């Protein structure tokens, strides 16, 4: 006997908790078990009982029971409306068990009961909204897993590529007769040679000793070039260098005080006046106080000294 709900079954969807209406239909098999109950409660004064007549007599009974049991079974089993087709057998077995006792009261045995179709509310706004959310979460998870797998494959590919490149470079170095350390030394030498800011050499931690040790003969040549470059940058050309009379420190021409000992630096064309003690241009008389200047004076203290004197008798300065 085929059966079907005459109206929608309304209940609260157990997974997403929103109200929904569904329909259901299926088939069942009945067998007369207690003829006395069947005659009294079903047949009554009828002359005969056909299948269609039996369905009609049980219609109201079936609709009430099936709607109640269907909503209860879905709720208790927590079956999502979007996965309900996977649970038709489970629903059929649950409804069969629930209906057996109800049919026994009428002298009829419910041999089999099947739910074959669940009619979903396609087009309903709430249903379509949650349907989209339900399937999107699985799509997002699947997409994330796919991206993860692709990322792993990309990383493995890059790792294999690096291994192959490293092996190729190692073979190339072996054939050309140099090591990785020597190659890095050449790279450092090249970078330093391009850098004109000598002060950055110290910041970079590149010492002349390192440069001098790069690659044998080539390293020696590069080290010598670097020594010359640094000396020229720090000291400048030789005609621009003077020495402190006190400590002998090398410094640029034009400096007024020694950066090493702080001694005042006298220019080659000036002397110290013995009277006023000021540094004045060389000449016969001091332009500051008019004192007569000796032809030979100590460049440090201004004391008069005899000709051909090698050291100042006053301060000991080498002349």
C-alpha atoms as a PDB file:
ATOM      1  CA  UNK A   1       0.000   0.000   0.000  1.00  0.00           C
ATOM      2  CA  UNK A   2       1.378   3.418  -0.958  1.00  0.00           C
ATOM      3  CA  UNK A   3       1.182   6.214   1.548  1.00  0.00           C
ATOM      4  CA  UNK A   4       1.966   9.933   1.555  1.00  0.00           C
ATOM      5  CA  UNK A   5       1.502  12.941   3.823  1.00  0.00           C
ATOM      6  CA  UNK A   6      -1.452  15.133   2.885  1.00  0.00           C
ATOM      7  CA  UNK A   7       0.304  18.296   4.183  1.00  0.00           C
ATOM      8  CA  UNK A   8       3.767  19.445   5.122  1.00  0.00           C
ATOM      9  CA  UNK A   9       5.457  18.212   8.287  1.00  0.00           C
ATOM     10  CA  UNK A  10       6.700  21.250  10.180  1.00  0.00           C
ATOM     11  CA  UNK A  11       9.553  20.924  12.683  1.00  0.00           C
ATOM     12  CA  UNK A  12      12.793  22.598  13.816  1.00  0.00           C
ATOM     13  CA  UNK A  13      15.785  21.530  11.747  1.00  0.00           C
ATOM     14  CA  UNK A  14      18.156  19.867  14.289  1.00  0.00           C
ATOM     15  CA  UNK A  15      21.511  20.944  12.801  1.00  0.00           C
ATOM     16  CA  UNK A  16      21.025  24.643  12.048  1.00  0.00           C
ATOM     17  CA  UNK A  17      17.930  25.211  14.208  1.00  0.00           C
ATOM     18  CA  UNK A  18      15.587  26.888  11.735  1.00  0.00           C
ATOM     19  CA  UNK A  19      11.925  26.034  11.103  1.00  0.00           C
ATOM     20  CA  UNK A  20      11.260  23.888   8.030  1.00  0.00           C
ATOM     21  CA  UNK A  21       8.394  22.097   6.318  1.00  0.00           C
ATOM     22  CA  UNK A  22       8.819  18.818   4.435  1.00  0.00           C
ATOM     23  CA  UNK A  23       6.656  16.192   2.841  1.00  0.00           C
ATOM     24  CA  UNK A  24       7.113  12.402   2.796  1.00  0.00           C
ATOM     25  CA  UNK A  25       5.789   9.362   0.951  1.00  0.00           C
ATOM     26  CA  UNK A  26       6.516   5.669   0.651  1.00  0.00           C
ATOM     27  CA  UNK A  27       5.044   2.162   0.764  1.00  0.00           C
ATOM     28  CA  UNK A  28       3.955  -0.343   3.407  1.00  0.00           C
ATOM     29  CA  UNK A  29       2.779  -3.959   3.624  1.00  0.00           C
ATOM     30  CA  UNK A  30      -0.144  -4.970   5.888  1.00  0.00           C
ATOM     31  CA  UNK A  31      -1.352  -8.392   6.972  1.00  0.00           C
ATOM     32  CA  UNK A  32      -4.585  -9.361   8.774  1.00  0.00           C
ATOM     33  CA  UNK A  33      -3.463 -10.814  12.090  1.00  0.00           C
ATOM     34  CA  UNK A  34      -6.453 -10.650  14.483  1.00  0.00           C
ATOM     35  CA  UNK A  35      -9.620 -11.131  12.414  1.00  0.00           C
ATOM     36  CA  UNK A  36     -11.948 -10.332  15.303  1.00  0.00           C
ATOM     37  CA  UNK A  37     -10.348  -6.901  15.954  1.00  0.00           C
ATOM     38  CA  UNK A  38     -10.207  -6.249  12.222  1.00  0.00           C
ATOM     39  CA  UNK A  39     -13.916  -7.087  11.818  1.00  0.00           C
ATOM     40  CA  UNK A  40     -15.044  -5.032  14.771  1.00  0.00           C
ATOM     41  CA  UNK A  41     -12.819  -1.943  14.381  1.00  0.00           C
ATOM     42  CA  UNK A  42     -12.308  -1.722  10.646  1.00  0.00           C
ATOM     43  CA  UNK A  43     -14.850  -3.694   8.599  1.00  0.00           C
ATOM     44  CA  UNK A  44     -17.911  -3.099  10.734  1.00  0.00           C
ATOM     45  CA  UNK A  45     -21.045  -3.442   8.643  1.00  0.00           C
ATOM     46  CA  UNK A  46     -19.198  -3.331   5.310  1.00  0.00           C
ATOM     47  CA  UNK A  47     -19.790  -6.320   2.953  1.00  0.00           C
ATOM     48  CA  UNK A  48     -16.177  -6.413   1.811  1.00  0.00           C
ATOM     49  CA  UNK A  49     -12.760  -4.772   2.394  1.00  0.00           C
ATOM     50  CA  UNK A  50     -10.491  -3.798  -0.487  1.00  0.00           C
ATOM     51  CA  UNK A  51      -6.997  -2.312  -0.505  1.00  0.00           C
ATOM     52  CA  UNK A  52      -8.232   1.143  -1.456  1.00  0.00           C
ATOM     53  CA  UNK A  53     -10.962   0.920   1.177  1.00  0.00           C
ATOM     54  CA  UNK A  54      -8.399  -0.084   3.811  1.00  0.00           C
ATOM     55  CA  UNK A  55      -6.126   2.833   2.805  1.00  0.00           C
ATOM     56  CA  UNK A  56      -9.018   5.223   3.051  1.00  0.00           C
ATOM     57  CA  UNK A  57     -10.006   3.921   6.471  1.00  0.00           C
ATOM     58  CA  UNK A  58      -6.422   4.247   7.761  1.00  0.00           C
ATOM     59  CA  UNK A  59      -5.729   7.586   6.078  1.00  0.00           C
ATOM     60  CA  UNK A  60      -6.499   9.888   8.997  1.00  0.00           C
ATOM     61  CA  UNK A  61      -4.796   7.483  11.387  1.00  0.00           C
ATOM     62  CA  UNK A  62      -1.696   7.254   9.205  1.00  0.00           C
ATOM     63  CA  UNK A  63      -1.374  10.996   8.618  1.00  0.00           C
ATOM     64  CA  UNK A  64      -1.491  11.801  12.319  1.00  0.00           C
ATOM     65  CA  UNK A  65       0.942   9.083  13.369  1.00  0.00           C
ATOM     66  CA  UNK A  66       3.434   9.378  10.504  1.00  0.00           C
ATOM     67  CA  UNK A  67       3.826  13.169  10.799  1.00  0.00           C
ATOM     68  CA  UNK A  68       4.441  12.962  14.526  1.00  0.00           C
ATOM     69  CA  UNK A  69       6.832  10.013  14.312  1.00  0.00           C
ATOM     70  CA  UNK A  70       8.744  11.447  11.332  1.00  0.00           C
ATOM     71  CA  UNK A  71       9.471  14.791  13.040  1.00  0.00           C
ATOM     72  CA  UNK A  72      10.421  13.023  16.274  1.00  0.00           C
ATOM     73  CA  UNK A  73      12.733  10.570  14.517  1.00  0.00           C
ATOM     74  CA  UNK A  74      14.554  13.305  12.617  1.00  0.00           C
ATOM     75  CA  UNK A  75      15.003  15.366  15.793  1.00  0.00           C
ATOM     76  CA  UNK A  76      16.186  12.476  18.004  1.00  0.00           C
ATOM     77  CA  UNK A  77      18.588  11.142  15.364  1.00  0.00           C
ATOM     78  CA  UNK A  78      19.803  14.700  14.620  1.00  0.00           C
ATOM     79  CA  UNK A  79      19.516  14.169  10.891  1.00  0.00           C
ATOM     80  CA  UNK A  80      20.310  17.269   8.820  1.00  0.00           C
ATOM     81  CA  UNK A  81      17.723  18.103   6.176  1.00  0.00           C
ATOM     82  CA  UNK A  82      20.584  18.495   3.703  1.00  0.00           C
ATOM     83  CA  UNK A  83      21.752  14.925   4.352  1.00  0.00           C
ATOM     84  CA  UNK A  84      18.380  13.261   4.931  1.00  0.00           C
ATOM     85  CA  UNK A  85      18.458  11.208   1.732  1.00  0.00           C
ATOM     86  CA  UNK A  86      21.391   9.277   3.196  1.00  0.00           C
ATOM     87  CA  UNK A  87      19.208   8.269   6.169  1.00  0.00           C
ATOM     88  CA  UNK A  88      16.024   7.005   4.456  1.00  0.00           C
ATOM     89  CA  UNK A  89      16.635   3.441   5.609  1.00  0.00           C
ATOM     90  CA  UNK A  90      17.216   4.593   9.178  1.00  0.00           C
ATOM     91  CA  UNK A  91      13.986   6.632   9.089  1.00  0.00           C
ATOM     92  CA  UNK A  92      12.066   3.697   7.613  1.00  0.00           C
ATOM     93  CA  UNK A  93      13.185   1.362  10.394  1.00  0.00           C
ATOM     94  CA  UNK A  94      12.417   3.907  13.119  1.00  0.00           C
ATOM     95  CA  UNK A  95       8.890   4.610  11.786  1.00  0.00           C
ATOM     96  CA  UNK A  96       8.202   0.904  11.340  1.00  0.00           C
ATOM     97  CA  UNK A  97       8.970   0.235  14.987  1.00  0.00           C
ATOM     98  CA  UNK A  98       6.835   3.162  16.130  1.00  0.00           C
ATOM     99  CA  UNK A  99       3.781   2.171  14.033  1.00  0.00           C
ATOM    100  CA  UNK A 100       3.651  -1.575  14.819  1.00  0.00           C
ATOM    101  CA  UNK A 101       1.728  -1.194  18.059  1.00  0.00           C
ATOM    102  CA  UNK A 102      -0.710   1.286  16.514  1.00  0.00           C
ATOM    103  CA  UNK A 103      -1.700  -1.179  13.785  1.00  0.00           C
ATOM    104  CA  UNK A 104      -1.969  -4.068  16.236  1.00  0.00           C
ATOM    105  CA  UNK A 105      -4.924  -2.298  17.907  1.00  0.00           C
ATOM    106  CA  UNK A 106      -6.844  -2.752  14.620  1.00  0.00           C
ATOM    107  CA  UNK A 107      -5.925  -6.417  14.211  1.00  0.00           C
ATOM    108  CA  UNK A 108      -3.442  -5.642  11.441  1.00  0.00           C
ATOM    109  CA  UNK A 109       0.272  -6.470  11.351  1.00  0.00           C
ATOM    110  CA  UNK A 110       2.601  -3.930   9.729  1.00  0.00           C
ATOM    111  CA  UNK A 111       4.953  -6.250   7.878  1.00  0.00           C
ATOM    112  CA  UNK A 112       7.081  -3.570   6.170  1.00  0.00           C
ATOM    113  CA  UNK A 113       7.268   0.184   6.084  1.00  0.00           C
ATOM    114  CA  UNK A 114       9.396   2.271   3.715  1.00  0.00           C
ATOM    115  CA  UNK A 115      10.093   5.996   3.400  1.00  0.00           C
ATOM    116  CA  UNK A 116      11.027   6.403  -0.267  1.00  0.00           C
ATOM    117  CA  UNK A 117      10.946  10.183  -0.742  1.00  0.00           C
ATOM    118  CA  UNK A 118      11.402  13.292   1.384  1.00  0.00           C
ATOM    119  CA  UNK A 119       9.984  16.381  -0.317  1.00  0.00           C
ATOM    120  CA  UNK A 120      12.223  19.358   0.552  1.00  0.00           C
ATOM    121  CA  UNK A 121      11.014  22.995   0.504  1.00  0.00           C
ATOM    122  CA  UNK A 122      13.015  24.087  -2.538  1.00  0.00           C
ATOM    123  CA  UNK A 123      12.565  27.795  -3.135  1.00  0.00           C
ATOM    124  CA  UNK A 124      11.950  28.653   0.517  1.00  0.00           C
ATOM    125  CA  UNK A 125      14.245  31.564   1.475  1.00  0.00           C
ATOM    126  CA  UNK A 126      15.356  30.148   4.832  1.00  0.00           C
ATOM    127  CA  UNK A 127      15.957  26.715   3.338  1.00  0.00           C
ATOM    128  CA  UNK A 128      17.985  28.084   0.412  1.00  0.00           C
ATOM    129  CA  UNK A 129      20.056  30.305   2.734  1.00  0.00           C
ATOM    130  CA  UNK A 130      21.087  27.473   5.035  1.00  0.00           C
ATOM    131  CA  UNK A 131      21.543  25.125   2.096  1.00  0.00           C
ATOM    132  CA  UNK A 132      24.091  27.545   0.641  1.00  0.00           C
ATOM    133  CA  UNK A 133      25.895  27.828   3.997  1.00  0.00           C
ATOM    134  CA  UNK A 134      25.927  24.065   4.444  1.00  0.00           C
ATOM    135  CA  UNK A 135      27.473  23.256   1.095  1.00  0.00           C
ATOM    136  CA  UNK A 136      29.813  26.253   1.162  1.00  0.00           C
ATOM    137  CA  UNK A 137      31.493  25.074   4.366  1.00  0.00           C
ATOM    138  CA  UNK A 138      32.351  21.769   2.734  1.00  0.00           C
ATOM    139  CA  UNK A 139      33.495  23.560  -0.414  1.00  0.00           C
ATOM    140  CA  UNK A 140      35.715  25.887   1.644  1.00  0.00           C
ATOM    141  CA  UNK A 141      37.244  22.968   3.539  1.00  0.00           C
ATOM    142  CA  UNK A 142      37.864  21.084   0.304  1.00  0.00           C
ATOM    143  CA  UNK A 143      39.418  24.173  -1.275  1.00  0.00           C
ATOM    144  CA  UNK A 144      41.647  24.760   1.764  1.00  0.00           C
ATOM    145  CA  UNK A 145      42.853  21.157   1.673  1.00  0.00           C
ATOM    146  CA  UNK A 146      43.542  21.466  -2.041  1.00  0.00           C
ATOM    147  CA  UNK A 147      45.541  24.674  -1.519  1.00  0.00           C
ATOM    148  CA  UNK A 148      47.490  22.987   1.262  1.00  0.00           C
ATOM    149  CA  UNK A 149      48.327  20.034  -0.967  1.00  0.00           C
ATOM    150  CA  UNK A 150      49.352  22.333  -3.815  1.00  0.00           C
ATOM    151  CA  UNK A 151      51.507  24.344  -1.398  1.00  0.00           C
ATOM    152  CA  UNK A 152      53.253  21.196  -0.178  1.00  0.00           C
ATOM    153  CA  UNK A 153      53.880  20.106  -3.760  1.00  0.00           C
ATOM    154  CA  UNK A 154      55.305  23.551  -4.595  1.00  0.00           C
ATOM    155  CA  UNK A 155      57.604  23.435  -1.567  1.00  0.00           C
ATOM    156  CA  UNK A 156      58.798  19.945  -2.470  1.00  0.00           C
ATOM    157  CA  UNK A 157      59.398  21.089  -6.043  1.00  0.00           C
ATOM    158  CA  UNK A 158      61.428  24.097  -4.855  1.00  0.00           C
ATOM    159  CA  UNK A 159      63.414  21.905  -2.464  1.00  0.00           C
ATOM    160  CA  UNK A 160      64.227  19.427  -5.238  1.00  0.00           C
ATOM    161  CA  UNK A 161      65.145  22.304  -7.544  1.00  0.00           C
ATOM    162  CA  UNK A 162      67.558  23.705  -4.929  1.00  0.00           C
ATOM    163  CA  UNK A 163      69.149  20.272  -4.479  1.00  0.00           C
ATOM    164  CA  UNK A 164      69.634  19.889  -8.227  1.00  0.00           C
ATOM    165  CA  UNK A 165      71.086  23.404  -8.546  1.00  0.00           C
ATOM    166  CA  UNK A 166      73.403  22.829  -5.584  1.00  0.00           C
ATOM    167  CA  UNK A 167      74.656  19.574  -7.080  1.00  0.00           C
ATOM    168  CA  UNK A 168      75.229  21.293 -10.417  1.00  0.00           C
ATOM    169  CA  UNK A 169      77.178  24.150  -8.759  1.00  0.00           C
ATOM    170  CA  UNK A 170      79.253  21.715  -6.709  1.00  0.00           C
ATOM    171  CA  UNK A 171      80.148  19.784  -9.865  1.00  0.00           C
ATOM    172  CA  UNK A 172      81.029  23.038 -11.667  1.00  0.00           C
ATOM    173  CA  UNK A 173      83.333  24.136  -8.809  1.00  0.00           C
ATOM    174  CA  UNK A 174      85.009  20.737  -8.777  1.00  0.00           C
ATOM    175  CA  UNK A 175      85.656  20.901 -12.516  1.00  0.00           C
ATOM    176  CA  UNK A 176      87.022  24.471 -12.348  1.00  0.00           C
ATOM    177  CA  UNK A 177      89.121  23.763  -9.248  1.00  0.00           C
ATOM    178  CA  UNK A 178      87.838  26.079  -6.521  1.00  0.00           C
ATOM    179  CA  UNK A 179      85.757  25.681  -3.352  1.00  0.00           C
ATOM    180  CA  UNK A 180      82.611  27.366  -2.090  1.00  0.00           C
ATOM    181  CA  UNK A 181      84.652  29.377   0.443  1.00  0.00           C
ATOM    182  CA  UNK A 182      86.903  30.677  -2.311  1.00  0.00           C
ATOM    183  CA  UNK A 183      83.890  31.622  -4.428  1.00  0.00           C
ATOM    184  CA  UNK A 184      82.388  33.567  -1.528  1.00  0.00           C
ATOM    185  CA  UNK A 185      85.742  35.312  -1.069  1.00  0.00           C
ATOM    186  CA  UNK A 186      85.669  36.410  -4.717  1.00  0.00           C
ATOM    187  CA  UNK A 187      82.117  37.733  -4.234  1.00  0.00           C
ATOM    188  CA  UNK A 188      83.148  39.711  -1.137  1.00  0.00           C
ATOM    189  CA  UNK A 189      86.168  41.148  -2.939  1.00  0.00           C
ATOM    190  CA  UNK A 190      83.996  42.194  -5.867  1.00  0.00           C
ATOM    191  CA  UNK A 191      81.432  43.915  -3.637  1.00  0.00           C
ATOM    192  CA  UNK A 192      84.086  45.729  -1.603  1.00  0.00           C
ATOM    193  CA  UNK A 193      85.944  46.893  -4.706  1.00  0.00           C
ATOM    194  CA  UNK A 194      82.754  48.528  -6.012  1.00  0.00           C
ATOM    195  CA  UNK A 195      82.160  50.395  -2.751  1.00  0.00           C
ATOM    196  CA  UNK A 196      83.868  53.793  -2.669  1.00  0.00           C
ATOM    197  CA  UNK A 197      82.941  54.570   0.960  1.00  0.00           C
ATOM    198  CA  UNK A 198      85.964  53.362   2.885  1.00  0.00           C
ATOM    199  CA  UNK A 199      84.184  53.860   6.199  1.00  0.00           C
ATOM    200  CA  UNK A 200      81.688  51.197   5.250  1.00  0.00           C
ATOM    201  CA  UNK A 201      84.450  48.586   5.129  1.00  0.00           C
ATOM    202  CA  UNK A 202      84.632  48.603   8.913  1.00  0.00           C
ATOM    203  CA  UNK A 203      80.845  48.514   9.253  1.00  0.00           C
ATOM    204  CA  UNK A 204      80.707  45.531   6.951  1.00  0.00           C
ATOM    205  CA  UNK A 205      83.295  43.737   9.042  1.00  0.00           C
ATOM    206  CA  UNK A 206      85.641  43.343   6.087  1.00  0.00           C
ATOM    207  CA  UNK A 207      89.270  43.453   7.201  1.00  0.00           C
ATOM    208  CA  UNK A 208      92.317  43.848   5.036  1.00  0.00           C
ATOM    209  CA  UNK A 209      93.573  40.561   6.380  1.00  0.00           C
ATOM    210  CA  UNK A 210      90.508  38.828   4.961  1.00  0.00           C
ATOM    211  CA  UNK A 211      91.024  40.514   1.609  1.00  0.00           C
ATOM    212  CA  UNK A 212      94.673  39.561   1.547  1.00  0.00           C
ATOM    213  CA  UNK A 213      93.778  35.904   2.000  1.00  0.00           C
ATOM    214  CA  UNK A 214      91.324  35.583  -0.908  1.00  0.00           C
ATOM    215  CA  UNK A 215      92.240  33.007  -3.486  1.00  0.00           C
ATOM    216  CA  UNK A 216      96.033  32.788  -3.536  1.00  0.00           C
ATOM    217  CA  UNK A 217      97.638  35.042  -6.127  1.00  0.00           C
ATOM    218  CA  UNK A 218      94.394  36.779  -7.022  1.00  0.00           C
ATOM    219  CA  UNK A 219      93.690  37.373  -3.340  1.00  0.00           C
ATOM    220  CA  UNK A 220      97.150  38.898  -2.839  1.00  0.00           C
ATOM    221  CA  UNK A 221      96.653  41.251  -5.750  1.00  0.00           C
ATOM    222  CA  UNK A 222      93.215  42.269  -4.512  1.00  0.00           C
ATOM    223  CA  UNK A 223      94.540  42.698  -0.966  1.00  0.00           C
ATOM    224  CA  UNK A 224      97.324  44.993  -2.202  1.00  0.00           C
ATOM    225  CA  UNK A 225      94.880  47.047  -4.207  1.00  0.00           C
ATOM    226  CA  UNK A 226      92.616  47.376  -1.175  1.00  0.00           C
ATOM    227  CA  UNK A 227      95.498  48.422   1.090  1.00  0.00           C
ATOM    228  CA  UNK A 228      96.468  51.173  -1.354  1.00  0.00           C
ATOM    229  CA  UNK A 229      92.870  52.312  -1.725  1.00  0.00           C
ATOM    230  CA  UNK A 230      92.314  52.514   2.030  1.00  0.00           C
ATOM    231  CA  UNK A 231      95.612  54.282   2.698  1.00  0.00           C
ATOM    232  CA  UNK A 232      94.886  56.845   0.004  1.00  0.00           C
ATOM    233  CA  UNK A 233      91.357  57.393   1.337  1.00  0.00           C
ATOM    234  CA  UNK A 234      92.523  57.811   4.951  1.00  0.00           C
ATOM    235  CA  UNK A 235      95.839  59.610   4.464  1.00  0.00           C
ATOM    236  CA  UNK A 236      95.393  61.243   1.063  1.00  0.00           C
ATOM    237  CA  UNK A 237      98.365  61.942  -1.251  1.00  0.00           C
ATOM    238  CA  UNK A 238     101.803  62.154   0.402  1.00  0.00           C
ATOM    239  CA  UNK A 239     102.226  65.914  -0.228  1.00  0.00           C
ATOM    240  CA  UNK A 240      99.069  66.587   1.864  1.00  0.00           C
ATOM    241  CA  UNK A 241     100.450  64.818   4.973  1.00  0.00           C
ATOM    242  CA  UNK A 242     102.327  66.485   7.818  1.00  0.00           C
ATOM    243  CA  UNK A 243     103.598  65.131  11.121  1.00  0.00           C
ATOM    244  CA  UNK A 244     103.022  66.399  14.639  1.00  0.00           C
ATOM    245  CA  UNK A 245     106.233  67.816  16.108  1.00  0.00           C
ATOM    246  CA  UNK A 246     105.248  66.488  19.544  1.00  0.00           C
ATOM    247  CA  UNK A 247     104.105  62.886  18.925  1.00  0.00           C
ATOM    248  CA  UNK A 248     104.900  62.292  15.256  1.00  0.00           C
ATOM    249  CA  UNK A 249     101.303  61.457  14.322  1.00  0.00           C
ATOM    250  CA  UNK A 250     100.466  61.743  10.608  1.00  0.00           C
ATOM    251  CA  UNK A 251      97.681  64.197   9.799  1.00  0.00           C
ATOM    252  CA  UNK A 252      96.350  66.269   6.942  1.00  0.00           C
ATOM    253  CA  UNK A 253      97.992  69.543   6.072  1.00  0.00           C
ATOM    254  CA  UNK A 254      96.068  72.512   7.427  1.00  0.00           C
ATOM    255  CA  UNK A 255      95.176  70.925  10.787  1.00  0.00           C
ATOM    256  CA  UNK A 256      95.549  73.383  13.697  1.00  0.00           C
ATOM    257  CA  UNK A 257      95.816  70.808  16.476  1.00  0.00           C
ATOM    258  CA  UNK A 258      97.116  67.230  16.520  1.00  0.00           C
ATOM    259  CA  UNK A 259      94.181  64.765  16.809  1.00  0.00           C
ATOM    260  CA  UNK A 260      96.415  62.368  18.747  1.00  0.00           C
ATOM    261  CA  UNK A 261      98.031  64.540  21.468  1.00  0.00           C
ATOM    262  CA  UNK A 262      96.237  67.915  21.084  1.00  0.00           C
ATOM    263  CA  UNK A 263      99.485  69.831  20.401  1.00  0.00           C
ATOM    264  CA  UNK A 264      99.041  73.058  18.429  1.00  0.00           C
ATOM    265  CA  UNK A 265     100.380  72.651  14.920  1.00  0.00           C
ATOM    266  CA  UNK A 266     102.647  75.384  13.523  1.00  0.00           C
ATOM    267  CA  UNK A 267     102.594  75.985   9.799  1.00  0.00           C
ATOM    268  CA  UNK A 268     105.932  75.909   7.983  1.00  0.00           C
ATOM    269  CA  UNK A 269     105.805  79.652   7.282  1.00  0.00           C
ATOM    270  CA  UNK A 270     104.993  80.828  10.863  1.00  0.00           C
ATOM    271  CA  UNK A 271     106.926  81.244  14.125  1.00  0.00           C
ATOM    272  CA  UNK A 272     106.139  81.963  17.799  1.00  0.00           C
ATOM    273  CA  UNK A 273     106.972  85.506  18.885  1.00  0.00           C
ATOM    274  CA  UNK A 274     109.310  85.312  21.945  1.00  0.00           C
ATOM    275  CA  UNK A 275     107.791  88.483  23.381  1.00  0.00           C
ATOM    276  CA  UNK A 276     103.999  88.109  23.051  1.00  0.00           C
ATOM    277  CA  UNK A 277     103.926  84.341  22.444  1.00  0.00           C
ATOM    278  CA  UNK A 278     101.617  84.573  19.418  1.00  0.00           C
ATOM    279  CA  UNK A 279     101.994  82.623  16.185  1.00  0.00           C
ATOM    280  CA  UNK A 280     103.000  85.110  13.518  1.00  0.00           C
ATOM    281  CA  UNK A 281     104.350  84.912   9.952  1.00  0.00           C
ATOM    282  CA  UNK A 282     108.116  84.604   9.580  1.00  0.00           C
ATOM    283  CA  UNK A 283     109.908  87.926   9.267  1.00  0.00           C
ATOM    284  CA  UNK A 284     112.309  90.288  11.027  1.00  0.00           C
ATOM    285  CA  UNK A 285     109.751  91.822  13.435  1.00  0.00           C
ATOM    286  CA  UNK A 286     106.572  90.591  15.139  1.00  0.00           C
ATOM    287  CA  UNK A 287     103.469  92.229  13.573  1.00  0.00           C
ATOM    288  CA  UNK A 288     101.709  92.008  16.933  1.00  0.00           C
ATOM    289  CA  UNK A 289     104.158  93.621  19.360  1.00  0.00           C
ATOM    290  CA  UNK A 290     107.072  94.803  17.146  1.00  0.00           C
ATOM    291  CA  UNK A 291     109.580  92.542  18.856  1.00  0.00           C
ATOM    292  CA  UNK A 292     112.578  91.626  16.749  1.00  0.00           C
ATOM    293  CA  UNK A 293     112.350  88.061  15.540  1.00  0.00           C
ATOM    294  CA  UNK A 294     115.446  85.920  15.451  1.00  0.00           C
ATOM    295  CA  UNK A 295     116.312  84.273  12.202  1.00  0.00           C
ATOM    296  CA  UNK A 296     116.463  80.916  13.957  1.00  0.00           C
ATOM    297  CA  UNK A 297     113.734  80.208  16.491  1.00  0.00           C
ATOM    298  CA  UNK A 298     112.262  77.028  17.882  1.00  0.00           C
ATOM    299  CA  UNK A 299     109.047  76.267  15.923  1.00  0.00           C
ATOM    300  CA  UNK A 300     107.485  74.948  19.112  1.00  0.00           C
ATOM    301  CA  UNK A 301     108.342  77.443  21.852  1.00  0.00           C
ATOM    302  CA  UNK A 302     109.777  80.424  19.820  1.00  0.00           C
ATOM    303  CA  UNK A 303     113.078  80.482  21.704  1.00  0.00           C
ATOM    304  CA  UNK A 304     116.065  81.860  19.819  1.00  0.00           C
ATOM    305  CA  UNK A 305     118.568  79.227  18.859  1.00  0.00           C
ATOM    306  CA  UNK A 306     121.933  79.237  17.279  1.00  0.00           C
ATOM    307  CA  UNK A 307     122.397  78.276  13.685  1.00  0.00           C
ATOM    308  CA  UNK A 308     122.903  74.577  12.929  1.00  0.00           C
ATOM    309  CA  UNK A 309     121.307  73.651  16.290  1.00  0.00           C
ATOM    310  CA  UNK A 310     119.588  70.238  16.056  1.00  0.00           C
ATOM    311  CA  UNK A 311     117.501  70.501  19.279  1.00  0.00           C
ATOM    312  CA  UNK A 312     115.960  73.461  21.061  1.00  0.00           C
ATOM    313  CA  UNK A 313     117.836  74.107  24.329  1.00  0.00           C
ATOM    314  CA  UNK A 314     114.596  75.384  25.904  1.00  0.00           C
ATOM    315  CA  UNK A 315     112.051  72.652  25.111  1.00  0.00           C
ATOM    316  CA  UNK A 316     114.143  69.984  23.419  1.00  0.00           C
ATOM    317  CA  UNK A 317     112.130  70.134  20.150  1.00  0.00           C
ATOM    318  CA  UNK A 318     113.960  68.587  17.193  1.00  0.00           C
ATOM    319  CA  UNK A 319     114.804  71.271  14.655  1.00  0.00           C
END
